[in-house]
Every structure is written in structure tokens, then in C-alpha cells.
Amino acid sequence: MLFTYSFEKLDAWKLSRKVASEIYIATKKFPSDEKYGLVQQIRRGVLSISSNLAEGSGRQTRKDQCHFYTMAYSSLLEVLNQLIFALDQNWITEDDYKAIRIQIAKLSYMINSLRKSLS
């Protein structure tokens, strides 16, 4: 049996993986000339959410943990901004945007709860 790390038990980390998968699917529909532009940027941003949650869970002090959870939250807002831009450009549908936005709202609440639990 494999060892389970503490971040793997975080509901926020689990949801961040789901959001990342949805973003990867949505960005496949972006124009090919955005492959090395917004597609890469939004994918890096969405992966940094789960990465910062994982890294924060491994930190020894509450201050360090809170810092990484704050970085995860900031990345989440960056991804939301990029999704709004993609919607403005008609690169994603309104339905795809709304579905991802609902997940982002849930994840935002979870990350903020983690941050508040440390302060």
C-alpha cells in the first residue's frame, strides 16, 4: 500500500485537481495560435494551485503554510481572470465558463477556510 501524504487528504487539493482537468479540457478548444500563449499560462496557473496546496501542507510553521495557501488562492484568481478573457474572446462557451466558475467559487471558499484556520 502506498503512503498517503497530508495534502492528498485536503478537499481543496482534490477539487483543485478536478478544476485543472476541466481547464485542460476547455483549453484544448482554444485557437492553435494560443497554444504557446494563454493556453500555457492558464495551464501553469491552474497547476500551481494544487502545487501550492501540496507544498503548504508540508511546511512546518503556520505562517509558511498560510503563505502557500495564499499563493494557491492568488493563482486561482489569476486563472479566473484568464477564463473571463477567454470567454470575452469566445474561446470557451458560456456553459463551460459557468461550470468551471462554480468549481472555482467552491475552491476559493475551501482555500480561504484553510487560510483562516491558520490565523
Protein backbone atom coordinates (compact mmCIF):
# COMPACT_ATOMS: atom_id res chain seq x y z
CA MET A 1 0.00 0.00 0.00
CA LEU A 2 1.23 3.48 -0.82
CA PHE A 3 1.79 6.12 1.83
CA THR A 4 -0.74 8.98 1.73
CA TYR A 5 0.66 12.48 2.22
CA SER A 6 -1.29 15.07 4.15
CA PHE A 7 -2.06 17.19 1.08
CA GLU A 8 -3.79 14.23 -0.55
CA LYS A 9 -6.37 14.35 2.22
CA LEU A 10 -7.23 18.04 1.62
CA ASP A 11 -10.60 18.52 -0.05
CA ALA A 12 -9.25 21.72 -1.59
CA TRP A 13 -6.39 19.79 -3.21
CA LYS A 14 -8.82 17.18 -4.55
CA LEU A 15 -11.07 19.87 -6.04
CA SER A 16 -8.07 21.72 -7.48
CA ARG A 17 -7.21 18.56 -9.45
CA LYS A 18 -10.75 18.46 -10.82
CA VAL A 19 -10.59 22.13 -11.82
CA ALA A 20 -7.22 21.52 -13.50
CA SER A 21 -8.69 18.67 -15.53
CA GLU A 22 -11.62 20.83 -16.60
CA ILE A 23 -9.25 23.65 -17.60
CA TYR A 24 -7.12 21.25 -19.65
CA ILE A 25 -10.21 20.04 -21.49
CA ALA A 26 -11.51 23.58 -22.07
CA THR A 27 -8.17 24.90 -23.33
CA LYS A 28 -7.96 22.17 -25.97
CA LYS A 29 -10.66 24.18 -27.77
CA PHE A 30 -8.62 27.40 -27.82
CA PRO A 31 -7.21 28.60 -31.15
CA SER A 32 -3.97 26.91 -32.15
CA ASP A 33 -2.13 30.24 -32.20
CA GLU A 34 -2.77 30.46 -28.43
CA LYS A 35 -1.03 27.15 -27.76
CA TYR A 36 2.12 28.92 -26.55
CA GLY A 37 0.30 31.94 -25.16
CA LEU A 38 -2.75 31.84 -22.97
CA VAL A 39 -3.11 28.05 -23.05
CA GLN A 40 0.29 27.55 -21.42
CA GLN A 41 -0.23 30.39 -18.99
CA ILE A 42 -3.64 29.23 -17.79
CA ARG A 43 -2.46 25.63 -17.50
CA ARG A 44 0.60 26.64 -15.47
CA GLY A 45 -1.65 28.77 -13.25
CA VAL A 46 -4.16 26.04 -12.59
CA LEU A 47 -1.42 23.53 -11.77
CA SER A 48 0.19 25.96 -9.36
CA ILE A 49 -3.00 25.89 -7.28
CA SER A 50 -2.66 22.22 -6.36
CA SER A 51 1.14 22.50 -6.19
CA ASN A 52 0.98 25.34 -3.65
CA LEU A 53 -1.61 23.47 -1.60
CA ALA A 54 0.68 20.45 -1.55
CA GLU A 55 3.76 22.46 -0.70
CA GLY A 56 1.97 24.41 2.01
CA SER A 57 0.77 21.25 3.69
CA GLY A 58 4.37 20.16 4.08
CA ARG A 59 5.55 23.33 5.77
CA GLN A 60 6.35 23.27 9.47
CA THR A 61 5.02 26.64 10.58
CA ARG A 62 1.52 28.02 10.29
CA LYS A 63 2.96 31.18 8.72
CA ASP A 64 4.66 29.17 5.96
CA GLN A 65 1.54 27.08 5.39
CA CYS A 66 -0.60 30.21 5.16
CA HIS A 67 1.84 31.75 2.68
CA PHE A 68 1.49 28.83 0.26
CA TYR A 69 -2.27 28.69 0.69
CA THR A 70 -2.33 32.40 -0.14
CA MET A 71 -0.27 31.69 -3.26
CA ALA A 72 -2.77 28.98 -4.24
CA TYR A 73 -5.61 31.48 -3.81
CA SER A 74 -3.77 34.06 -5.90
CA SER A 75 -3.23 31.53 -8.67
CA LEU A 76 -6.92 30.67 -8.54
CA LEU A 77 -7.83 34.32 -9.11
CA GLU A 78 -5.33 34.52 -11.95
CA VAL A 79 -6.95 31.52 -13.63
CA LEU A 80 -10.39 33.06 -13.18
CA ASN A 81 -9.20 36.26 -14.82
CA GLN A 82 -7.82 34.29 -17.76
CA LEU A 83 -11.08 32.36 -18.11
CA ILE A 84 -13.00 35.62 -18.24
CA PHE A 85 -10.69 36.80 -21.02
CA ALA A 86 -11.17 33.51 -22.88
CA LEU A 87 -14.93 33.95 -22.59
CA ASP A 88 -14.62 37.51 -23.92
CA GLN A 89 -12.75 36.10 -26.93
CA ASN A 90 -15.37 33.36 -27.43
CA TRP A 91 -12.72 30.67 -26.92
CA ILE A 92 -14.89 28.92 -24.34
CA THR A 93 -18.65 28.61 -24.19
CA GLU A 94 -20.77 30.33 -21.60
CA ASP A 95 -21.77 26.90 -20.27
CA ASP A 96 -18.14 25.75 -19.90
CA TYR A 97 -17.26 29.03 -18.23
CA LYS A 98 -20.14 28.82 -15.76
CA ALA A 99 -19.38 25.19 -14.87
CA ILE A 100 -15.73 25.97 -14.16
CA ARG A 101 -16.63 29.20 -12.36
CA ILE A 102 -18.87 27.28 -9.94
CA GLN A 103 -15.95 24.97 -9.12
CA ILE A 104 -13.65 27.97 -8.72
CA ALA A 105 -16.08 29.53 -6.24
CA LYS A 106 -16.13 26.33 -4.18
CA LEU A 107 -12.36 26.06 -4.30
CA SER A 108 -11.98 29.71 -3.32
CA TYR A 109 -14.08 29.09 -0.22
CA MET A 110 -12.05 25.98 0.68
CA ILE A 111 -8.70 27.72 0.31
CA ASN A 112 -9.88 30.70 2.33
CA SER A 113 -11.07 28.31 5.05
CA LEU A 114 -7.61 26.74 5.14
CA ARG A 115 -6.03 30.17 5.44
CA LYS A 116 -8.39 31.26 8.21
CA SER A 117 -7.79 28.05 10.15
CA LEU A 118 -4.12 29.00 10.39
CA SER A 119 -4.57 32.56 11.61
